[in-house]
Amino acid sequence: MTPIAKINLVATWQPNDPKSLYDMCGSKNYHKFLDKQFKNNDSNFEIAVVVDVWVTGFDVPSLAIIYIDKPIQKHNLIQTISHVKRVFEGKDKGLVVDYIGIRNSLLDAMKSQGESGSNPIEDIKITIGIFRELLAVIDKLLTDFDDTKFYSGDSLEKLTCLNYAAEYVQSKEDRQTNFMNFTRALRPAFDICSPSGELTEEESAKAQFYLIVRSTINEQTTGDAPDAEAMNEKVERIVQDALSCAGIENILSKLKVDDLASKEFRKELAAVKMPITKLNYLLKLLKVEIGKYKKINKIKAIEFDKRLQAVVDKYNNRDNLVFTNGVMFDVVNNLSEELLKIHNVLVKEIQSPERMGISVEEKVFYDILVKVRDTHGFAYEDEKCIFLAKEIKKLVDEKSKIAHWTTQQDIKSDLEMNLTVLLYNNKYPDTWTKEIFEKIMEQEEG
């Protein structure tokens, strides 16, 4: 097999491009081949000439030099420069060769990525000053946290340190808010300063530590995966190596809603030593599960949403409720127990149609009837609600035979009239017919 060339073109093409250019660019499969070869440190492929590709979402830790000869704007520019700042054995620092003068674009990118209202940055030295000020502020926020193991421990100790740092940051709401705000500003400052070679190893290591803690918190609370651009090769390896080790906290990364019902799993869950992390994962799981149930039974799912929000509100009020970490952890563990109880009730609710001898759809209409009854405080037996729910199901099934019936006003009006007659004949107060009809349509329209 002929060895791959040392220099290769990696570029996109358009249907109206000359055949010669199309042939030179190659197919998508050829691009995948080049991608794999360029990341292979033993490959002969050492120089890539890229056009409109490999700017974002592309990572080669060994890459040492980038030559820029075309304008690149805002975040794409920061990500491009970040390619050469990755740590790699035998690599001292990355080099950016600027053929067209990107300094102003860099400054604009920094301003757009930083906090609103920040002053214009006129020199890289000022940017470095801002970076160091941010680092000092974040250092102060985490004064009482021992990060020694991140810098000196083995892989599992490093990952554990990252997780406990995320736990520490979230133990107070104001600390979490300040940390997330300052690290949001730290990120673009670090991206610009790192390639300059002006930062010390300690400053770079601290920035990496804080940024991956930020990513960990984001992953726990919003579901966003850790930002690969925020992690150097060393930290990525730490995470991967540590995840392969045995550890009780690892059950969280594999946590599924179905697992929560298992007694064995709950016993393991109770042993997790990071209560805030555990609470965050439980919140995420229940939000997803309630979101799925909302598509089936909106009116009951809203009730579970409110119960979940009540737990979130208690957690968000933690700064006013607790004074020491020990008490705070007790509070958080109690909130986790509340979430597990909500899950138990949700499971029973999902299984309730079978116990009641009705279908899932009939249960939805039953819940609407009961909700309106209880809200307005009039008497009407549950058994009669079950009968009405079955009859409403028949009315809706008849209309649903017509495509897109929920968008046709004449069909909806006919259903409302039939519903009015049904409720009247069964002595369900017709005062609330309109409300019941609206809730039925809200469910049917999704």
Protein backbone atom coordinates (compact mmCIF):
# COMPACT_ATOMS: atom_id res chain seq x y z
CA MET A 1 0.00 0.00 0.00
CA THR A 2 1.33 3.44 -0.98
CA PRO A 3 2.15 5.56 2.11
CA ILE A 4 -0.09 8.57 2.63
CA ALA A 5 1.38 11.88 1.48
CA LYS A 6 2.99 14.16 4.04
CA ILE A 7 0.82 17.13 2.93
CA ASN A 8 -2.90 16.76 2.16
CA LEU A 9 -5.76 19.08 1.28
CA VAL A 10 -8.88 18.85 3.45
CA ALA A 11 -11.65 21.02 2.04
CA THR A 12 -15.36 21.12 1.27
CA TRP A 13 -16.74 21.30 -2.26
CA GLN A 14 -19.84 22.46 -4.08
CA PRO A 15 -21.78 20.66 -6.85
CA ASN A 16 -20.78 23.33 -9.38
CA ASP A 17 -17.04 23.09 -8.63
CA PRO A 18 -14.76 21.92 -11.45
CA LYS A 19 -14.26 18.15 -11.57
CA SER A 20 -10.54 18.61 -10.91
CA LEU A 21 -11.29 20.38 -7.60
CA TYR A 22 -13.95 17.82 -6.70
CA ASP A 23 -11.47 14.99 -7.32
CA MET A 24 -8.83 16.75 -5.23
CA CYS A 25 -11.17 17.28 -2.26
CA GLY A 26 -12.42 13.70 -2.27
CA SER A 27 -15.46 12.08 -0.71
CA LYS A 28 -16.73 12.16 2.89
CA ASN A 29 -15.21 8.74 3.47
CA TYR A 30 -11.86 10.09 2.26
CA HIS A 31 -12.20 12.97 4.77
CA LYS A 32 -12.82 10.44 7.53
CA PHE A 33 -9.69 8.58 6.45
CA LEU A 34 -7.64 11.79 6.57
CA ASP A 35 -9.12 12.64 9.97
CA LYS A 36 -8.00 9.29 11.37
CA GLN A 37 -4.54 9.53 9.81
CA PHE A 38 -3.88 13.08 11.01
CA LYS A 39 -4.67 12.03 14.59
CA ASN A 40 -2.32 9.04 14.25
CA ASN A 41 1.09 10.16 15.51
CA ASP A 42 2.75 7.34 13.56
CA SER A 43 1.21 8.41 10.25
CA ASN A 44 3.24 10.10 7.51
CA PHE A 45 0.47 12.73 7.23
CA GLU A 46 1.96 15.75 9.08
CA ILE A 47 0.69 18.89 7.32
CA ALA A 48 -2.99 19.57 6.59
CA VAL A 49 -4.13 22.41 4.35
CA VAL A 50 -7.71 23.01 5.54
CA VAL A 51 -10.53 25.10 4.08
CA ASP A 52 -13.77 25.47 6.08
CA VAL A 53 -13.22 22.21 8.00
CA TRP A 54 -11.52 20.99 11.17
CA VAL A 55 -12.09 24.32 12.90
CA THR A 56 -14.56 23.16 15.59
CA GLY A 57 -15.10 19.72 17.05
CA PHE A 58 -11.64 18.57 15.95
CA ASP A 59 -8.86 17.73 18.38
CA VAL A 60 -5.26 16.60 17.86
CA PRO A 61 -3.24 17.03 21.09
CA SER A 62 0.09 16.65 19.24
CA LEU A 63 -0.68 19.57 16.89
CA ALA A 64 2.04 22.18 17.46
CA ILE A 65 1.71 24.84 14.73
CA ILE A 66 -1.22 26.54 13.00
CA TYR A 67 -0.80 28.91 10.04
CA ILE A 68 -3.73 31.31 9.57
CA ASP A 69 -4.15 33.05 6.21
CA LYS A 70 -7.89 33.80 6.09
CA PRO A 71 -10.28 35.68 8.40
CA ILE A 72 -11.91 33.64 11.15
CA GLN A 73 -14.51 35.25 13.37
CA LYS A 74 -15.43 35.17 17.05
CA HIS A 75 -15.64 31.78 18.78
CA ASN A 76 -14.34 29.91 15.73
CA LEU A 77 -11.13 31.90 16.03
CA ILE A 78 -10.74 31.08 19.71
CA GLN A 79 -11.38 27.38 19.04
CA THR A 80 -8.89 27.39 16.15
CA ILE A 81 -6.12 28.86 18.29
CA SER A 82 -7.00 26.46 21.11
CA HIS A 83 -6.05 23.50 18.90
CA VAL A 84 -2.34 24.11 19.54
CA LYS A 85 -2.58 24.66 23.30
CA ARG A 86 -3.24 21.02 24.16
CA VAL A 87 -0.65 19.32 26.36
CA PHE A 88 1.29 16.52 24.67
CA GLU A 89 4.47 14.64 25.60
CA GLY A 90 7.51 16.26 24.00
CA LYS A 91 5.60 19.42 23.06
CA ASP A 92 6.69 22.61 24.79
CA LYS A 93 4.03 25.03 23.57
CA GLY A 94 1.88 25.69 20.54
CA LEU A 95 2.67 28.28 17.84
CA VAL A 96 0.19 30.37 15.82
CA VAL A 97 1.67 31.86 12.63
CA ASP A 98 -0.48 34.86 11.64
CA TYR A 99 -0.27 35.86 7.96
CA ILE A 100 -3.16 38.36 7.90
CA GLY A 101 -3.27 40.08 11.30
CA ILE A 102 -5.87 38.50 13.58
CA ARG A 103 -5.17 40.57 16.70
CA ASN A 104 -8.31 42.75 16.43
CA SER A 105 -10.46 39.72 15.67
CA LEU A 106 -9.05 38.05 18.78
CA LEU A 107 -9.92 41.06 20.91
CA ASP A 108 -13.44 41.19 19.48
CA ALA A 109 -13.84 37.46 20.16
CA MET A 110 -12.68 37.93 23.72
CA LYS A 111 -15.16 40.76 24.31
CA SER A 112 -18.07 38.82 22.82
CA GLN A 113 -17.24 35.74 24.92
CA GLY A 114 -16.71 37.59 28.20
CA GLU A 115 -19.14 39.13 30.63
CA SER A 116 -21.52 41.79 29.35
CA GLY A 117 -20.31 45.31 30.09
CA SER A 118 -16.63 44.34 30.10
CA ASN A 119 -14.21 47.03 28.96
CA PRO A 120 -12.44 46.78 25.56
CA ILE A 121 -9.20 44.85 25.73
CA GLU A 122 -6.42 46.67 23.96
CA ASP A 123 -3.43 44.46 24.60
CA ILE A 124 -2.69 40.80 25.27
CA LYS A 125 -0.92 41.85 28.47
CA ILE A 126 -4.15 43.40 29.71
CA THR A 127 -5.94 40.16 28.82
CA ILE A 128 -3.39 38.22 30.86
CA GLY A 129 -3.98 40.65 33.73
CA ILE A 130 -7.71 40.03 33.53
CA PHE A 131 -7.11 36.27 33.42
CA ARG A 132 -4.99 36.46 36.58
CA GLU A 133 -7.54 38.62 38.37
CA LEU A 134 -10.26 36.10 37.56
CA LEU A 135 -8.04 33.24 38.71
CA ALA A 136 -7.39 35.02 42.02
CA VAL A 137 -11.11 35.61 42.59
CA ILE A 138 -11.91 31.95 41.93
CA ASP A 139 -9.02 30.90 44.18
CA LYS A 140 -10.63 32.91 46.96
CA LEU A 141 -14.03 31.27 46.36
CA LEU A 142 -12.41 27.84 46.87
CA THR A 143 -10.03 28.86 49.68
CA ASP A 144 -11.30 26.15 52.02
CA PHE A 145 -11.24 23.38 49.42
CA ASP A 146 -8.21 21.07 49.33
CA ASP A 147 -7.33 20.46 45.66
CA THR A 148 -4.00 18.75 46.39
CA LYS A 149 -5.10 15.35 45.06
CA PHE A 150 -5.92 16.80 41.65
CA TYR A 151 -2.29 17.74 41.12
CA SER A 152 -0.55 14.90 42.97
CA GLY A 153 -2.93 11.93 43.26
CA ASP A 154 -3.53 8.93 41.04
CA SER A 155 -6.23 8.92 38.35
CA LEU A 156 -9.10 7.95 40.67
CA GLU A 157 -8.00 10.47 43.29
CA LYS A 158 -7.86 13.20 40.64
CA LEU A 159 -11.37 12.43 39.38
CA THR A 160 -12.68 12.18 42.95
CA CYS A 161 -11.14 15.58 43.68
CA LEU A 162 -12.91 17.07 40.65
CA ASN A 163 -16.22 15.60 41.79
CA TYR A 164 -15.81 16.84 45.35
CA ALA A 165 -14.85 20.27 44.04
CA ALA A 166 -18.14 20.36 42.13
CA GLU A 167 -19.87 19.27 45.34
CA TYR A 168 -18.12 22.01 47.35
CA VAL A 169 -18.99 24.74 44.83
CA GLN A 170 -22.67 23.75 44.88
CA SER A 171 -22.91 23.56 48.67
CA LYS A 172 -23.83 27.27 48.72
CA GLU A 173 -26.03 28.89 46.11
CA ASP A 174 -24.15 32.21 46.08
CA ARG A 175 -20.81 30.40 45.77
CA GLN A 176 -22.13 28.36 42.84
CA THR A 177 -23.50 31.47 41.11
CA ASN A 178 -20.23 33.38 41.51
CA PHE A 179 -18.10 30.41 40.46
CA MET A 180 -20.12 29.80 37.29
CA ASN A 181 -20.05 33.49 36.37
CA PHE A 182 -16.32 33.90 36.92
CA THR A 183 -15.36 30.68 35.13
CA ARG A 184 -17.58 31.70 32.21
CA ALA A 185 -15.36 34.79 31.86
CA LEU A 186 -12.20 32.78 32.58
CA ARG A 187 -12.70 30.45 29.63
CA PRO A 188 -12.20 32.96 26.75
CA ALA A 189 -9.41 34.71 28.67
CA PHE A 190 -7.59 31.40 29.06
CA ASP A 191 -8.11 30.52 25.39
CA ILE A 192 -6.45 33.77 24.34
CA CYS A 193 -3.65 33.82 26.94
CA SER A 194 -2.64 30.16 26.79
CA PRO A 195 -1.00 30.24 23.31
CA SER A 196 1.05 33.31 24.31
CA GLY A 197 3.38 31.24 26.50
CA GLU A 198 3.12 33.88 29.25
CA LEU A 199 1.18 31.74 31.73
CA THR A 200 2.96 29.64 34.33
CA GLU A 201 2.33 25.88 34.53
CA GLU A 202 0.55 26.44 37.84
CA GLU A 203 -1.79 29.05 36.31
CA SER A 204 -2.62 26.79 33.37
CA ALA A 205 -3.22 23.82 35.66
CA LYS A 206 -5.53 25.85 37.93
CA ALA A 207 -7.50 27.17 34.95
CA GLN A 208 -7.93 23.63 33.61
CA PHE A 209 -9.07 22.46 37.03
CA TYR A 210 -11.65 25.21 37.42
CA LEU A 211 -12.97 24.80 33.88
CA ILE A 212 -13.49 21.05 34.20
CA VAL A 213 -15.23 21.60 37.57
CA ARG A 214 -17.51 24.04 35.73
CA SER A 215 -18.16 21.42 33.04
CA THR A 216 -18.91 18.80 35.70
CA ILE A 217 -21.50 21.08 37.32
CA ASN A 218 -23.04 21.84 33.91
CA GLU A 219 -23.28 18.13 33.14
CA GLN A 220 -24.97 17.45 36.47
CA THR A 221 -27.42 20.34 36.43
CA THR A 222 -28.23 20.98 32.76
CA GLY A 223 -27.28 17.75 31.02
CA ASP A 224 -24.61 19.41 28.89
CA ALA A 225 -21.65 17.13 28.32
CA PRO A 226 -18.28 18.32 29.62
CA ASP A 227 -16.68 20.74 27.17
CA ALA A 228 -13.75 18.96 25.50
CA GLU A 229 -12.19 22.32 24.66
CA ALA A 230 -11.96 23.05 28.37
CA MET A 231 -9.94 19.91 29.06
CA ASN A 232 -6.37 19.34 28.07
CA GLU A 233 -5.15 15.89 27.12
CA LYS A 234 -3.95 15.24 30.64
CA VAL A 235 -7.36 15.89 32.22
CA GLU A 236 -9.16 13.82 29.56
CA ARG A 237 -6.86 10.90 30.38
CA ILE A 238 -7.51 11.39 34.11
CA VAL A 239 -11.25 11.18 33.57
CA GLN A 240 -11.09 8.13 31.30
CA ASP A 241 -8.64 6.24 33.52
CA ALA A 242 -10.59 7.00 36.66
CA LEU A 243 -13.92 5.97 35.19
CA SER A 244 -12.45 2.54 34.52
CA CYS A 245 -11.68 2.14 38.22
CA ALA A 246 -14.13 0.75 40.72
CA GLY A 247 -15.88 3.34 42.84
CA ILE A 248 -19.28 3.66 44.46
CA GLU A 249 -19.87 7.07 42.84
CA ASN A 250 -19.60 5.43 39.41
CA ILE A 251 -23.15 4.10 39.79
CA LEU A 252 -24.34 7.65 39.20
CA SER A 253 -22.92 7.72 35.69
CA LYS A 254 -24.95 4.58 34.86
CA LEU A 255 -28.08 5.64 36.72
CA LYS A 256 -31.39 4.94 34.98
CA VAL A 257 -34.92 5.60 36.15
CA ASP A 258 -35.75 1.89 36.25
CA ASP A 259 -32.87 1.30 38.67
CA LEU A 260 -34.48 3.47 41.33
CA ALA A 261 -37.08 0.83 42.17
CA SER A 262 -34.42 -1.73 43.06
CA LYS A 263 -33.75 -2.19 46.79
CA GLU A 264 -30.18 -3.22 46.05
CA PHE A 265 -29.62 -0.12 43.97
CA ARG A 266 -31.10 2.15 46.63
CA LYS A 267 -28.75 0.62 49.16
CA GLU A 268 -25.80 1.49 46.91
CA LEU A 269 -27.23 4.93 46.28
CA ALA A 270 -27.49 5.58 50.01
CA ALA A 271 -23.77 4.91 50.33
CA VAL A 272 -22.78 7.64 47.84
CA LYS A 273 -20.78 10.24 49.74
CA MET A 274 -21.61 13.19 47.47
CA PRO A 275 -25.17 14.21 48.39
CA ILE A 276 -25.42 17.20 46.03
CA THR A 277 -24.18 15.18 43.08
CA LYS A 278 -26.67 12.43 43.94
CA LEU A 279 -29.48 14.98 44.22
CA ASN A 280 -28.59 16.49 40.83
CA TYR A 281 -28.69 13.10 39.11
CA LEU A 282 -32.02 12.22 40.71
CA LEU A 283 -33.46 15.57 39.63
CA LYS A 284 -32.32 15.00 36.06
CA LEU A 285 -33.80 11.51 35.93
CA LEU A 286 -37.15 12.56 37.32
CA LYS A 287 -37.38 15.58 35.01
CA VAL A 288 -36.87 13.27 32.04
CA GLU A 289 -39.37 10.71 33.32
CA ILE A 290 -42.03 13.33 34.11
CA GLY A 291 -41.42 14.88 30.70
CA LYS A 292 -42.17 11.50 29.07
CA TYR A 293 -45.28 11.05 31.19
CA LYS A 294 -46.52 14.50 30.19
CA LYS A 295 -46.96 13.22 26.64
CA ILE A 296 -49.28 10.52 28.00
CA ASN A 297 -51.11 12.34 30.79
CA LYS A 298 -50.47 16.07 30.88
CA ILE A 299 -52.74 16.94 33.79
CA LYS A 300 -51.12 14.44 36.20
CA ALA A 301 -47.62 15.21 34.95
CA ILE A 302 -48.16 18.86 35.87
CA GLU A 303 -48.85 17.75 39.44
CA PHE A 304 -45.53 15.88 39.51
CA ASP A 305 -43.80 18.92 38.03
CA LYS A 306 -45.06 20.99 40.95
CA ARG A 307 -43.84 18.43 43.49
CA LEU A 308 -40.44 18.34 41.82
CA GLN A 309 -40.25 22.14 41.75
CA ALA A 310 -41.01 22.25 45.48
CA VAL A 311 -37.88 20.15 46.11
CA VAL A 312 -35.83 22.40 43.80
CA ASP A 313 -37.09 25.48 45.66
CA LYS A 314 -36.04 23.99 49.00
CA TYR A 315 -32.60 23.21 47.59
CA ASN A 316 -32.22 26.69 46.09
CA ASN A 317 -33.05 28.12 49.51
CA ARG A 318 -30.28 26.12 51.19
CA ASP A 319 -28.17 29.20 52.05
CA ASN A 320 -30.97 30.44 54.33
CA LEU A 321 -31.65 27.04 55.91
CA VAL A 322 -28.23 25.76 56.92
CA PHE A 323 -25.11 27.02 58.59
CA THR A 324 -22.65 24.14 58.44
CA ASN A 325 -21.77 21.55 55.82
CA GLY A 326 -22.92 18.75 58.09
CA VAL A 327 -26.40 20.21 58.43
CA MET A 328 -26.47 21.11 54.74
CA PHE A 329 -25.67 17.53 53.72
CA ASP A 330 -28.48 16.27 55.98
CA VAL A 331 -30.88 18.66 54.26
CA VAL A 332 -29.75 17.56 50.79
CA ASN A 333 -30.00 13.87 51.69
CA ASN A 334 -33.54 14.47 52.94
CA LEU A 335 -34.38 16.15 49.63
CA SER A 336 -33.03 13.10 47.78
CA GLU A 337 -35.36 10.94 49.85
CA GLU A 338 -38.24 13.20 48.83
CA LEU A 339 -37.30 12.67 45.18
CA LEU A 340 -37.28 8.91 45.65
CA LYS A 341 -40.76 9.12 47.22
CA ILE A 342 -41.95 11.18 44.24
CA HIS A 343 -40.56 8.46 41.98
CA ASN A 344 -42.47 5.80 43.95
CA VAL A 345 -45.72 7.72 43.52
CA LEU A 346 -44.98 8.27 39.82
CA VAL A 347 -44.45 4.54 39.29
CA LYS A 348 -47.77 3.78 41.00
CA GLU A 349 -49.46 6.45 38.91
CA ILE A 350 -48.11 5.00 35.67
CA GLN A 351 -49.38 1.55 36.73
CA SER A 352 -52.77 2.81 38.00
CA PRO A 353 -54.86 2.27 34.81
CA GLU A 354 -54.28 -1.48 34.99
CA ARG A 355 -55.35 -1.58 38.66
CA MET A 356 -58.46 0.46 37.86
CA GLY A 357 -59.40 -1.76 34.92
CA ILE A 358 -59.28 1.07 32.37
CA SER A 359 -56.99 2.02 29.51
CA VAL A 360 -54.22 4.63 29.69
CA GLU A 361 -56.30 7.01 27.55
CA GLU A 362 -59.38 6.52 29.74
CA LYS A 363 -57.27 7.26 32.82
CA VAL A 364 -56.34 10.62 31.28
CA PHE A 365 -60.00 11.62 30.93
CA TYR A 366 -60.75 10.28 34.42
CA ASP A 367 -57.99 12.50 35.84
CA ILE A 368 -59.43 15.52 34.04
CA LEU A 369 -62.89 14.88 35.49
CA VAL A 370 -61.51 14.38 39.00
CA LYS A 371 -59.23 17.42 38.76
CA VAL A 372 -62.11 19.71 37.78
CA ARG A 373 -64.32 18.18 40.48
CA ASP A 374 -61.74 18.62 43.24
CA THR A 375 -60.72 22.11 42.11
CA HIS A 376 -64.28 23.41 42.25
CA GLY A 377 -65.32 21.34 45.28
CA PHE A 378 -68.48 19.57 44.18
CA ALA A 379 -69.47 15.97 44.87
CA TYR A 380 -69.30 13.36 42.14
CA GLU A 381 -68.41 9.70 42.73
CA ASP A 382 -65.18 8.20 41.42
CA GLU A 383 -67.04 5.29 39.84
CA LYS A 384 -69.18 7.70 37.84
CA CYS A 385 -65.99 9.47 36.71
CA ILE A 386 -64.65 6.13 35.46
CA PHE A 387 -67.84 5.53 33.48
CA LEU A 388 -67.71 9.03 31.97
CA ALA A 389 -64.01 8.61 31.11
CA LYS A 390 -64.82 5.48 29.08
CA GLU A 391 -67.64 7.31 27.27
CA ILE A 392 -65.40 10.31 26.52
CA LYS A 393 -62.82 7.91 25.09
CA LYS A 394 -65.46 6.62 22.66
CA LEU A 395 -66.32 10.19 21.55
CA VAL A 396 -62.66 11.09 21.00
CA ASP A 397 -61.93 7.82 19.18
CA GLU A 398 -64.76 8.57 16.76
CA LYS A 399 -63.35 12.00 15.93
CA SER A 400 -59.74 10.76 15.70
CA LYS A 401 -60.67 8.60 12.70
CA ILE A 402 -60.53 11.85 10.72
CA ALA A 403 -57.00 13.02 9.84
CA HIS A 404 -55.89 16.23 11.58
CA TRP A 405 -59.23 16.47 13.39
CA THR A 406 -57.80 18.63 16.18
CA THR A 407 -57.23 21.46 13.69
CA GLN A 408 -60.76 21.40 12.24
CA GLN A 409 -63.13 23.71 14.08
CA ASP A 410 -66.37 22.04 12.97
CA ILE A 411 -65.23 18.66 14.31
CA LYS A 412 -64.06 20.19 17.58
CA SER A 413 -67.39 21.98 17.97
CA ASP A 414 -69.23 18.74 17.37
CA LEU A 415 -67.13 17.01 20.04
CA GLU A 416 -67.84 19.81 22.50
CA MET A 417 -71.58 19.49 21.87
CA ASN A 418 -71.49 15.70 22.31
CA LEU A 419 -69.47 16.13 25.51
CA THR A 420 -72.02 18.63 26.87
CA VAL A 421 -74.86 16.18 26.26
CA LEU A 422 -72.90 13.32 27.85
CA LEU A 423 -72.10 15.26 31.02
CA TYR A 424 -75.63 16.64 31.31
CA ASN A 425 -77.22 13.20 30.97
CA ASN A 426 -74.93 11.87 33.70
CA LYS A 427 -75.55 14.83 36.04
CA TYR A 428 -71.94 16.08 35.96
CA PRO A 429 -72.32 19.85 36.54
CA ASP A 430 -72.45 21.44 33.09
CA THR A 431 -70.95 24.65 34.52
CA TRP A 432 -67.52 23.09 33.98
CA THR A 433 -68.10 21.49 30.56
CA LYS A 434 -66.05 24.16 28.79
CA GLU A 435 -63.09 23.64 31.13
CA ILE A 436 -63.18 19.86 30.66
CA PHE A 437 -63.37 20.24 26.89
CA GLU A 438 -60.34 22.59 26.87
CA LYS A 439 -58.30 20.18 28.96
CA ILE A 440 -59.23 17.27 26.68
CA MET A 441 -58.17 19.26 23.62
CA GLU A 442 -54.96 20.34 25.32
CA GLN A 443 -54.08 16.68 25.86
CA GLU A 444 -55.11 15.59 22.35
CA GLU A 445 -53.21 18.42 20.66
CA GLY A 446 -50.09 17.52 22.58
